[in-house]
Amino acid sequence: MIRSVVMPCSRIFTKGCFVFKETASKIKRELAYYKALAAHKRTPRISKVLLACALAYLLSPIDLIPDFIPVIGQLDDLIIVPLLVWLALRFIPDDVRRECRV
């Protein structure tokens, strides 16, 4: 009886660990990609500035909308950072993005 209760929990824990490791791996790959883009000699200066602004805004304790305001306070981080990254990627030529993705 106890074994039947323990087994599903261990499967859930194992699956959760796998998902966590997979997500951490994807994040590391994306960070390496953006680092390679920022270091590439053909990346426009505006893209480098936008990526730096995205990173600074993400790490900064100062927000445009304070986090203590429910929902909207957290929502600004989820909108501004991806928007800055998207804008930075729009200025980078496709061949440079493909080259750095490897």
PDB file of N, CA and C in Angstrom:
ATOM      1  N   MET A   1       0.815  -1.191   0.000  1.00  0.00           N
ATOM      2  CA  MET A   1       0.000   0.000   0.000  1.00  0.00           C
ATOM      3  C   MET A   1       0.866   1.266   0.000  1.00  0.00           C
ATOM      4  N   ILE A   2       1.859   1.306   0.813  1.00  0.00           N
ATOM      5  CA  ILE A   2       2.726   2.480   0.883  1.00  0.00           C
ATOM      6  C   ILE A   2       3.515   2.631  -0.411  1.00  0.00           C
ATOM      7  N   ARG A   3       3.951   1.520  -0.975  1.00  0.00           N
ATOM      8  CA  ARG A   3       4.721   1.561  -2.218  1.00  0.00           C
ATOM      9  C   ARG A   3       3.931   2.219  -3.342  1.00  0.00           C
ATOM     10  N   SER A   4       2.627   1.960  -3.431  1.00  0.00           N
ATOM     11  CA  SER A   4       1.818   2.550  -4.497  1.00  0.00           C
ATOM     12  C   SER A   4       1.701   4.074  -4.340  1.00  0.00           C
ATOM     13  N   VAL A   5       1.796   4.560  -3.135  1.00  0.00           N
ATOM     14  CA  VAL A   5       1.737   6.001  -2.914  1.00  0.00           C
ATOM     15  C   VAL A   5       3.085   6.636  -3.209  1.00  0.00           C
ATOM     16  N   VAL A   6       4.157   5.949  -2.900  1.00  0.00           N
ATOM     17  CA  VAL A   6       5.493   6.493  -3.076  1.00  0.00           C
ATOM     18  C   VAL A   6       5.889   6.525  -4.551  1.00  0.00           C
ATOM     19  N   MET A   7       5.547   5.534  -5.308  1.00  0.00           N
ATOM     20  CA  MET A   7       5.963   5.453  -6.706  1.00  0.00           C
ATOM     21  C   MET A   7       5.478   6.628  -7.553  1.00  0.00           C
ATOM     22  N   PRO A   8       4.182   6.993  -7.511  1.00  0.00           N
ATOM     23  CA  PRO A   8       3.771   8.136  -8.321  1.00  0.00           C
ATOM     24  C   PRO A   8       4.478   9.431  -7.925  1.00  0.00           C
ATOM     25  N   CYS A   9       4.724   9.611  -6.640  1.00  0.00           N
ATOM     26  CA  CYS A   9       5.427  10.813  -6.199  1.00  0.00           C
ATOM     27  C   CYS A   9       6.852  10.836  -6.748  1.00  0.00           C
ATOM     28  N   SER A  10       7.504   9.704  -6.753  1.00  0.00           N
ATOM     29  CA  SER A  10       8.874   9.674  -7.272  1.00  0.00           C
ATOM     30  C   SER A  10       8.884   9.922  -8.771  1.00  0.00           C
ATOM     31  N   ARG A  11       7.871   9.428  -9.493  1.00  0.00           N
ATOM     32  CA  ARG A  11       7.788   9.698 -10.937  1.00  0.00           C
ATOM     33  C   ARG A  11       7.542  11.182 -11.192  1.00  0.00           C
ATOM     34  N   ILE A  12       6.682  11.772 -10.397  1.00  0.00           N
ATOM     35  CA  ILE A  12       6.406  13.203 -10.557  1.00  0.00           C
ATOM     36  C   ILE A  12       7.663  14.008 -10.269  1.00  0.00           C
ATOM     37  N   PHE A  13       8.386  13.647  -9.221  1.00  0.00           N
ATOM     38  CA  PHE A  13       9.617  14.351  -8.874  1.00  0.00           C
ATOM     39  C   PHE A  13      10.645  14.207  -9.981  1.00  0.00           C
ATOM     40  N   THR A  14      10.798  12.997 -10.523  1.00  0.00           N
ATOM     41  CA  THR A  14      11.754  12.763 -11.594  1.00  0.00           C
ATOM     42  C   THR A  14      11.378  13.559 -12.836  1.00  0.00           C
ATOM     43  N   LYS A  15      10.099  13.558 -13.188  1.00  0.00           N
ATOM     44  CA  LYS A  15       9.642  14.319 -14.345  1.00  0.00           C
ATOM     45  C   LYS A  15       9.867  15.817 -14.124  1.00  0.00           C
ATOM     46  N   GLY A  16       9.601  16.296 -12.909  1.00  0.00           N
ATOM     47  CA  GLY A  16       9.826  17.704 -12.601  1.00  0.00           C
ATOM     48  C   GLY A  16      11.282  18.086 -12.707  1.00  0.00           C
ATOM     49  N   CYS A  17      12.166  17.195 -12.251  1.00  0.00           N
ATOM     50  CA  CYS A  17      13.607  17.452 -12.356  1.00  0.00           C
ATOM     51  C   CYS A  17      14.036  17.502 -13.815  1.00  0.00           C
ATOM     52  N   PHE A  18      13.471  16.606 -14.626  1.00  0.00           N
ATOM     53  CA  PHE A  18      13.808  16.583 -16.051  1.00  0.00           C
ATOM     54  C   PHE A  18      13.367  17.877 -16.720  1.00  0.00           C
ATOM     55  N   VAL A  19      12.168  18.330 -16.427  1.00  0.00           N
ATOM     56  CA  VAL A  19      11.657  19.564 -17.015  1.00  0.00           C
ATOM     57  C   VAL A  19      12.506  20.750 -16.560  1.00  0.00           C
ATOM     58  N   PHE A  20      12.886  20.765 -15.300  1.00  0.00           N
ATOM     59  CA  PHE A  20      13.725  21.852 -14.784  1.00  0.00           C
ATOM     60  C   PHE A  20      15.085  21.862 -15.484  1.00  0.00           C
ATOM     61  N   LYS A  21      15.702  20.694 -15.633  1.00  0.00           N
ATOM     62  CA  LYS A  21      17.011  20.620 -16.294  1.00  0.00           C
ATOM     63  C   LYS A  21      16.908  21.026 -17.761  1.00  0.00           C
ATOM     64  N   GLU A  22      15.839  20.602 -18.413  1.00  0.00           N
ATOM     65  CA  GLU A  22      15.642  20.950 -19.817  1.00  0.00           C
ATOM     66  C   GLU A  22      15.454  22.462 -19.978  1.00  0.00           C
ATOM     67  N   THR A  23      14.675  23.064 -19.102  1.00  0.00           N
ATOM     68  CA  THR A  23      14.450  24.504 -19.152  1.00  0.00           C
ATOM     69  C   THR A  23      15.737  25.266 -18.854  1.00  0.00           C
ATOM     70  N   ALA A  24      16.489  24.812 -17.872  1.00  0.00           N
ATOM     71  CA  ALA A  24      17.769  25.458 -17.550  1.00  0.00           C
ATOM     72  C   ALA A  24      18.729  25.357 -18.731  1.00  0.00           C
ATOM     73  N   SER A  25      18.720  24.228 -19.413  1.00  0.00           N
ATOM     74  CA  SER A  25      19.573  24.046 -20.580  1.00  0.00           C
ATOM     75  C   SER A  25      19.174  25.007 -21.705  1.00  0.00           C
ATOM     76  N   LYS A  26      17.882  25.175 -21.926  1.00  0.00           N
ATOM     77  CA  LYS A  26      17.412  26.103 -22.959  1.00  0.00           C
ATOM     78  C   LYS A  26      17.801  27.536 -22.625  1.00  0.00           C
ATOM     79  N   ILE A  27      17.684  27.903 -21.359  1.00  0.00           N
ATOM     80  CA  ILE A  27      18.049  29.259 -20.948  1.00  0.00           C
ATOM     81  C   ILE A  27      19.537  29.494 -21.160  1.00  0.00           C
ATOM     82  N   LYS A  28      20.362  28.515 -20.811  1.00  0.00           N
ATOM     83  CA  LYS A  28      21.810  28.650 -21.018  1.00  0.00           C
ATOM     84  C   LYS A  28      22.149  28.803 -22.495  1.00  0.00           C
ATOM     85  N   ARG A  29      21.461  28.030 -23.351  1.00  0.00           N
ATOM     86  CA  ARG A  29      21.691  28.135 -24.801  1.00  0.00           C
ATOM     87  C   ARG A  29      21.307  29.513 -25.320  1.00  0.00           C
ATOM     88  N   GLU A  30      20.165  30.032 -24.866  1.00  0.00           N
ATOM     89  CA  GLU A  30      19.718  31.348 -25.318  1.00  0.00           C
ATOM     90  C   GLU A  30      20.662  32.448 -24.848  1.00  0.00           C
ATOM     91  N   LEU A  31      21.131  32.355 -23.605  1.00  0.00           N
ATOM     92  CA  LEU A  31      22.082  33.350 -23.108  1.00  0.00           C
ATOM     93  C   LEU A  31      23.383  33.313 -23.893  1.00  0.00           C
ATOM     94  N   ALA A  32      23.851  32.119 -24.233  1.00  0.00           N
ATOM     95  CA  ALA A  32      25.057  31.993 -25.049  1.00  0.00           C
ATOM     96  C   ALA A  32      24.831  32.588 -26.439  1.00  0.00           C
ATOM     97  N   TYR A  33      23.632  32.395 -26.982  1.00  0.00           N
ATOM     98  CA  TYR A  33      23.280  32.953 -28.288  1.00  0.00           C
ATOM     99  C   TYR A  33      23.323  34.478 -28.258  1.00  0.00           C
ATOM    100  N   TYR A  34      22.694  35.076 -27.246  1.00  0.00           N
ATOM    101  CA  TYR A  34      22.683  36.536 -27.156  1.00  0.00           C
ATOM    102  C   TYR A  34      24.080  37.090 -26.876  1.00  0.00           C
ATOM    103  N   LYS A  35      24.866  36.357 -26.134  1.00  0.00           N
ATOM    104  CA  LYS A  35      26.251  36.776 -25.888  1.00  0.00           C
ATOM    105  C   LYS A  35      27.052  36.748 -27.191  1.00  0.00           C
ATOM    106  N   ALA A  36      26.849  35.699 -27.989  1.00  0.00           N
ATOM    107  CA  ALA A  36      27.535  35.607 -29.286  1.00  0.00           C
ATOM    108  C   ALA A  36      27.082  36.720 -30.226  1.00  0.00           C
ATOM    109  N   LEU A  37      25.792  37.029 -30.201  1.00  0.00           N
ATOM    110  CA  LEU A  37      25.294  38.133 -31.029  1.00  0.00           C
ATOM    111  C   LEU A  37      25.920  39.456 -30.618  1.00  0.00           C
ATOM    112  N   ALA A  38      25.997  39.692 -29.327  1.00  0.00           N
ATOM    113  CA  ALA A  38      26.566  40.952 -28.843  1.00  0.00           C
ATOM    114  C   ALA A  38      28.052  41.069 -29.165  1.00  0.00           C
ATOM    115  N   ALA A  39      28.741  39.938 -29.240  1.00  0.00           N
ATOM    116  CA  ALA A  39      30.181  39.960 -29.507  1.00  0.00           C
ATOM    117  C   ALA A  39      30.510  39.949 -31.006  1.00  0.00           C
ATOM    118  N   HIS A  40      29.535  39.635 -31.838  1.00  0.00           N
ATOM    119  CA  HIS A  40      29.782  39.535 -33.283  1.00  0.00           C
ATOM    120  C   HIS A  40      30.112  40.904 -33.861  1.00  0.00           C
ATOM    121  N   LYS A  41      31.074  40.934 -34.776  1.00  0.00           N
ATOM    122  CA  LYS A  41      31.537  42.214 -35.305  1.00  0.00           C
ATOM    123  C   LYS A  41      30.528  42.874 -36.250  1.00  0.00           C
ATOM    124  N   ARG A  42      29.607  42.094 -36.835  1.00  0.00           N
ATOM    125  CA  ARG A  42      28.626  42.666 -37.760  1.00  0.00           C
ATOM    126  C   ARG A  42      27.293  43.015 -37.093  1.00  0.00           C
ATOM    127  N   THR A  43      27.217  42.846 -35.788  1.00  0.00           N
ATOM    128  CA  THR A  43      25.997  43.227 -35.075  1.00  0.00           C
ATOM    129  C   THR A  43      25.972  44.746 -34.949  1.00  0.00           C
ATOM    130  N   PRO A  44      24.877  45.380 -35.388  1.00  0.00           N
ATOM    131  CA  PRO A  44      24.797  46.846 -35.295  1.00  0.00           C
ATOM    132  C   PRO A  44      24.852  47.335 -33.842  1.00  0.00           C
ATOM    133  N   ARG A  45      25.367  48.514 -33.684  1.00  0.00           N
ATOM    134  CA  ARG A  45      25.512  49.092 -32.346  1.00  0.00           C
ATOM    135  C   ARG A  45      24.159  49.245 -31.651  1.00  0.00           C
ATOM    136  N   ILE A  46      23.114  49.596 -32.396  1.00  0.00           N
ATOM    137  CA  ILE A  46      21.795  49.775 -31.790  1.00  0.00           C
ATOM    138  C   ILE A  46      21.300  48.462 -31.174  1.00  0.00           C
ATOM    139  N   SER A  47      21.609  47.340 -31.810  1.00  0.00           N
ATOM    140  CA  SER A  47      21.209  46.039 -31.259  1.00  0.00           C
ATOM    141  C   SER A  47      21.960  45.739 -29.972  1.00  0.00           C
ATOM    142  N   LYS A  48      23.229  46.070 -29.949  1.00  0.00           N
ATOM    143  CA  LYS A  48      24.014  45.861 -28.734  1.00  0.00           C
ATOM    144  C   LYS A  48      23.477  46.710 -27.585  1.00  0.00           C
ATOM    145  N   VAL A  49      23.104  47.933 -27.889  1.00  0.00           N
ATOM    146  CA  VAL A  49      22.561  48.829 -26.864  1.00  0.00           C
ATOM    147  C   VAL A  49      21.213  48.303 -26.368  1.00  0.00           C
ATOM    148  N   LEU A  50      20.349  47.846 -27.282  1.00  0.00           N
ATOM    149  CA  LEU A  50      19.049  47.334 -26.878  1.00  0.00           C
ATOM    150  C   LEU A  50      19.172  46.070 -26.029  1.00  0.00           C
ATOM    151  N   LEU A  51      20.101  45.182 -26.392  1.00  0.00           N
ATOM    152  CA  LEU A  51      20.315  43.979 -25.582  1.00  0.00           C
ATOM    153  C   LEU A  51      20.851  44.341 -24.198  1.00  0.00           C
ATOM    154  N   ALA A  52      21.740  45.315 -24.145  1.00  0.00           N
ATOM    155  CA  ALA A  52      22.265  45.761 -22.848  1.00  0.00           C
ATOM    156  C   ALA A  52      21.157  46.397 -22.010  1.00  0.00           C
ATOM    157  N   CYS A  53      20.277  47.151 -22.640  1.00  0.00           N
ATOM    158  CA  CYS A  53      19.151  47.763 -21.920  1.00  0.00           C
ATOM    159  C   CYS A  53      18.201  46.690 -21.391  1.00  0.00           C
ATOM    160  N   ALA A  54      17.956  45.657 -22.181  1.00  0.00           N
ATOM    161  CA  ALA A  54      17.078  44.570 -21.735  1.00  0.00           C
ATOM    162  C   ALA A  54      17.673  43.882 -20.512  1.00  0.00           C
ATOM    163  N   LEU A  55      18.960  43.605 -20.564  1.00  0.00           N
ATOM    164  CA  LEU A  55      19.625  42.952 -19.440  1.00  0.00           C
ATOM    165  C   LEU A  55      19.637  43.859 -18.216  1.00  0.00           C
ATOM    166  N   ALA A  56      19.923  45.135 -18.418  1.00  0.00           N
ATOM    167  CA  ALA A  56      19.955  46.078 -17.292  1.00  0.00           C
ATOM    168  C   ALA A  56      18.571  46.232 -16.672  1.00  0.00           C
ATOM    169  N   TYR A  57      17.533  46.294 -17.487  1.00  0.00           N
ATOM    170  CA  TYR A  57      16.171  46.434 -16.957  1.00  0.00           C
ATOM    171  C   TYR A  57      15.760  45.182 -16.203  1.00  0.00           C
ATOM    172  N   LEU A  58      16.169  44.030 -16.714  1.00  0.00           N
ATOM    173  CA  LEU A  58      15.828  42.770 -16.065  1.00  0.00           C
ATOM    174  C   LEU A  58      16.497  42.651 -14.692  1.00  0.00           C
ATOM    175  N   LEU A  59      17.730  43.104 -14.581  1.00  0.00           N
ATOM    176  CA  LEU A  59      18.474  42.973 -13.332  1.00  0.00           C
ATOM    177  C   LEU A  59      18.272  44.148 -12.370  1.00  0.00           C
ATOM    178  N   SER A  60      17.761  45.238 -12.883  1.00  0.00           N
ATOM    179  CA  SER A  60      17.603  46.436 -12.071  1.00  0.00           C
ATOM    180  C   SER A  60      16.449  46.306 -11.079  1.00  0.00           C
ATOM    181  N   PRO A  61      16.648  46.780  -9.859  1.00  0.00           N
ATOM    182  CA  PRO A  61      15.541  46.768  -8.896  1.00  0.00           C
ATOM    183  C   PRO A  61      14.535  47.893  -9.159  1.00  0.00           C
ATOM    184  N   ILE A  62      14.889  48.816 -10.038  1.00  0.00           N
ATOM    185  CA  ILE A  62      14.005  49.939 -10.354  1.00  0.00           C
ATOM    186  C   ILE A  62      13.201  49.586 -11.603  1.00  0.00           C
ATOM    187  N   ASP A  63      11.875  49.703 -11.523  1.00  0.00           N
ATOM    188  CA  ASP A  63      10.985  49.408 -12.641  1.00  0.00           C
ATOM    189  C   ASP A  63      10.198  50.652 -13.015  1.00  0.00           C
ATOM    190  N   LEU A  64       9.670  50.651 -14.226  1.00  0.00           N
ATOM    191  CA  LEU A  64       8.783  51.743 -14.631  1.00  0.00           C
ATOM    192  C   LEU A  64       7.501  51.724 -13.808  1.00  0.00           C
ATOM    193  N   ILE A  65       6.973  50.522 -13.597  1.00  0.00           N
ATOM    194  CA  ILE A  65       5.792  50.342 -12.754  1.00  0.00           C
ATOM    195  C   ILE A  65       6.235  49.498 -11.559  1.00  0.00           C
ATOM    196  N   PRO A  66       6.128  49.994 -10.330  1.00  0.00           N
ATOM    197  CA  PRO A  66       6.605  49.240  -9.156  1.00  0.00           C
ATOM    198  C   PRO A  66       5.937  47.869  -9.038  1.00  0.00           C
ATOM    199  N   ASP A  67       6.708  46.896  -8.556  1.00  0.00           N
ATOM    200  CA  ASP A  67       6.222  45.526  -8.449  1.00  0.00           C
ATOM    201  C   ASP A  67       5.148  45.347  -7.376  1.00  0.00           C
ATOM    202  N   PHE A  68       5.024  46.277  -6.441  1.00  0.00           N
ATOM    203  CA  PHE A  68       4.016  46.097  -5.394  1.00  0.00           C
ATOM    204  C   PHE A  68       2.595  46.379  -5.906  1.00  0.00           C
ATOM    205  N   ILE A  69       2.469  46.933  -7.111  1.00  0.00           N
ATOM    206  CA  ILE A  69       1.144  47.094  -7.718  1.00  0.00           C
ATOM    207  C   ILE A  69       0.756  45.741  -8.311  1.00  0.00           C
ATOM    208  N   PRO A  70      -0.348  45.164  -7.860  1.00  0.00           N
ATOM    209  CA  PRO A  70      -0.699  43.813  -8.310  1.00  0.00           C
ATOM    210  C   PRO A  70      -0.848  43.707  -9.830  1.00  0.00           C
ATOM    211  N   VAL A  71      -0.398  42.625 -10.360  1.00  0.00           N
ATOM    212  CA  VAL A  71      -0.476  42.217 -11.762  1.00  0.00           C
ATOM    213  C   VAL A  71       0.302  43.152 -12.686  1.00  0.00           C
ATOM    214  N   ILE A  72      -0.023  44.413 -12.724  1.00  0.00           N
ATOM    215  CA  ILE A  72       0.625  45.347 -13.642  1.00  0.00           C
ATOM    216  C   ILE A  72       2.105  45.502 -13.312  1.00  0.00           C
ATOM    217  N   GLY A  73       2.457  45.429 -12.036  1.00  0.00           N
ATOM    218  CA  GLY A  73       3.848  45.565 -11.620  1.00  0.00           C
ATOM    219  C   GLY A  73       4.738  44.464 -12.169  1.00  0.00           C
ATOM    220  N   GLN A  74       4.237  43.242 -12.212  1.00  0.00           N
ATOM    221  CA  GLN A  74       5.008  42.134 -12.775  1.00  0.00           C
ATOM    222  C   GLN A  74       4.873  42.084 -14.298  1.00  0.00           C
ATOM    223  N   LEU A  75       3.775  42.567 -14.805  1.00  0.00           N
ATOM    224  CA  LEU A  75       3.511  42.504 -16.234  1.00  0.00           C
ATOM    225  C   LEU A  75       4.468  43.369 -17.035  1.00  0.00           C
ATOM    226  N   ASP A  76       4.923  44.471 -16.473  1.00  0.00           N
ATOM    227  CA  ASP A  76       5.830  45.332 -17.228  1.00  0.00           C
ATOM    228  C   ASP A  76       7.144  44.624 -17.536  1.00  0.00           C
ATOM    229  N   ASP A  77       7.640  43.787 -16.622  1.00  0.00           N
ATOM    230  CA  ASP A  77       8.857  43.023 -16.898  1.00  0.00           C
ATOM    231  C   ASP A  77       8.628  42.025 -18.028  1.00  0.00           C
ATOM    232  N   LEU A  78       7.457  41.440 -18.072  1.00  0.00           N
ATOM    233  CA  LEU A  78       7.151  40.442 -19.097  1.00  0.00           C
ATOM    234  C   LEU A  78       6.882  41.065 -20.456  1.00  0.00           C
ATOM    235  N   ILE A  79       6.687  42.353 -20.503  1.00  0.00           N
ATOM    236  CA  ILE A  79       6.446  43.026 -21.779  1.00  0.00           C
ATOM    237  C   ILE A  79       7.689  43.767 -22.262  1.00  0.00           C
ATOM    238  N   ILE A  80       8.332  44.507 -21.392  1.00  0.00           N
ATOM    239  CA  ILE A  80       9.434  45.381 -21.799  1.00  0.00           C
ATOM    240  C   ILE A  80      10.673  44.597 -22.225  1.00  0.00           C
ATOM    241  N   VAL A  81      11.087  43.601 -21.447  1.00  0.00           N
ATOM    242  CA  VAL A  81      12.315  42.861 -21.766  1.00  0.00           C
ATOM    243  C   VAL A  81      12.178  42.111 -23.094  1.00  0.00           C
ATOM    244  N   PRO A  82      11.120  41.310 -23.317  1.00  0.00           N
ATOM    245  CA  PRO A  82      11.004  40.656 -24.633  1.00  0.00           C
ATOM    246  C   PRO A  82      10.877  41.650 -25.788  1.00  0.00           C
ATOM    247  N   LEU A  83      10.241  42.786 -25.550  1.00  0.00           N
ATOM    248  CA  LEU A  83      10.125  43.801 -26.590  1.00  0.00           C
ATOM    249  C   LEU A  83      11.495  44.354 -26.980  1.00  0.00           C
ATOM    250  N   LEU A  84      12.328  44.635 -25.987  1.00  0.00           N
ATOM    251  CA  LEU A  84      13.680  45.126 -26.274  1.00  0.00           C
ATOM    252  C   LEU A  84      14.512  44.081 -27.021  1.00  0.00           C
ATOM    253  N   VAL A  85      14.396  42.818 -26.619  1.00  0.00           N
ATOM    254  CA  VAL A  85      15.132  41.754 -27.300  1.00  0.00           C
ATOM    255  C   VAL A  85      14.624  41.599 -28.730  1.00  0.00           C
ATOM    256  N   TRP A  86      13.315  41.638 -28.916  1.00  0.00           N
ATOM    257  CA  TRP A  86      12.740  41.523 -30.253  1.00  0.00           C
ATOM    258  C   TRP A  86      13.221  42.660 -31.153  1.00  0.00           C
ATOM    259  N   LEU A  87      13.225  43.877 -30.622  1.00  0.00           N
ATOM    260  CA  LEU A  87      13.711  45.018 -31.406  1.00  0.00           C
ATOM    261  C   LEU A  87      15.188  44.850 -31.767  1.00  0.00           C
ATOM    262  N   ALA A  88      15.983  44.391 -30.822  1.00  0.00           N
ATOM    263  CA  ALA A  88      17.410  44.190 -31.095  1.00  0.00           C
ATOM    264  C   ALA A  88      17.602  43.160 -32.197  1.00  0.00           C
ATOM    265  N   LEU A  89      16.837  42.081 -32.159  1.00  0.00           N
ATOM    266  CA  LEU A  89      16.968  41.033 -33.181  1.00  0.00           C
ATOM    267  C   LEU A  89      16.512  41.519 -34.551  1.00  0.00           C
ATOM    268  N   ARG A  90      15.587  42.457 -34.612  1.00  0.00           N
ATOM    269  CA  ARG A  90      15.100  42.966 -35.895  1.00  0.00           C
ATOM    270  C   ARG A  90      16.200  43.713 -36.655  1.00  0.00           C
ATOM    271  N   PHE A  91      17.132  44.321 -35.955  1.00  0.00           N
ATOM    272  CA  PHE A  91      18.204  45.086 -36.596  1.00  0.00           C
ATOM    273  C   PHE A  91      19.380  44.211 -37.038  1.00  0.00           C
ATOM    274  N   ILE A  92      19.469  43.003 -36.534  1.00  0.00           N
ATOM    275  CA  ILE A  92      20.599  42.122 -36.840  1.00  0.00           C
ATOM    276  C   ILE A  92      20.305  41.365 -38.129  1.00  0.00           C
ATOM    277  N   PRO A  93      21.254  41.339 -39.068  1.00  0.00           N
ATOM    278  CA  PRO A  93      21.039  40.605 -40.324  1.00  0.00           C
ATOM    279  C   PRO A  93      20.801  39.109 -40.065  1.00  0.00           C
ATOM    280  N   ASP A  94      20.019  38.502 -40.957  1.00  0.00           N
ATOM    281  CA  ASP A  94      19.661  37.087 -40.797  1.00  0.00           C
ATOM    282  C   ASP A  94      20.873  36.168 -40.793  1.00  0.00           C
ATOM    283  N   ASP A  95      21.854  36.440 -41.650  1.00  0.00           N
ATOM    284  CA  ASP A  95      23.018  35.552 -41.708  1.00  0.00           C
ATOM    285  C   ASP A  95      23.831  35.599 -40.412  1.00  0.00           C
ATOM    286  N   VAL A  96      23.868  36.742 -39.770  1.00  0.00           N
ATOM    287  CA  VAL A  96      24.574  36.852 -38.486  1.00  0.00           C
ATOM    288  C   VAL A  96      23.824  36.049 -37.413  1.00  0.00           C
ATOM    289  N   ARG A  97      22.500  36.148 -37.419  1.00  0.00           N
ATOM    290  CA  ARG A  97      21.713  35.380 -36.441  1.00  0.00           C
ATOM    291  C   ARG A  97      21.896  33.878 -36.649  1.00  0.00           C
ATOM    292  N   ARG A  98      21.880  33.439 -37.908  1.00  0.00           N
ATOM    293  CA  ARG A  98      22.091  32.007 -38.187  1.00  0.00           C
ATOM    294  C   ARG A  98      23.483  31.565 -37.770  1.00  0.00           C
ATOM    295  N   GLU A  99      24.470  32.393 -38.015  1.00  0.00           N
ATOM    296  CA  GLU A  99      25.859  32.056 -37.671  1.00  0.00           C
ATOM    297  C   GLU A  99      26.041  31.930 -36.158  1.00  0.00           C
ATOM    298  N   CYS A 100      25.390  32.805 -35.414  1.00  0.00           N
ATOM    299  CA  CYS A 100      25.536  32.772 -33.942  1.00  0.00           C
ATOM    300  C   CYS A 100      24.669  31.696 -33.306  1.00  0.00           C
ATOM    301  N   ARG A 101      23.658  31.222 -33.984  1.00  0.00           N
ATOM    302  CA  ARG A 101      22.766  30.203 -33.410  1.00  0.00           C
ATOM    303  C   ARG A 101      23.474  28.865 -33.259  1.00  0.00           C
ATOM    304  N   VAL A 102      24.487  28.606 -34.027  1.00  0.00           N
ATOM    305  CA  VAL A 102      25.210  27.333 -33.963  1.00  0.00           C
ATOM    306  C   VAL A 102      25.902  27.183 -32.692  1.00  0.00           C
TER     307      VAL A 102
END
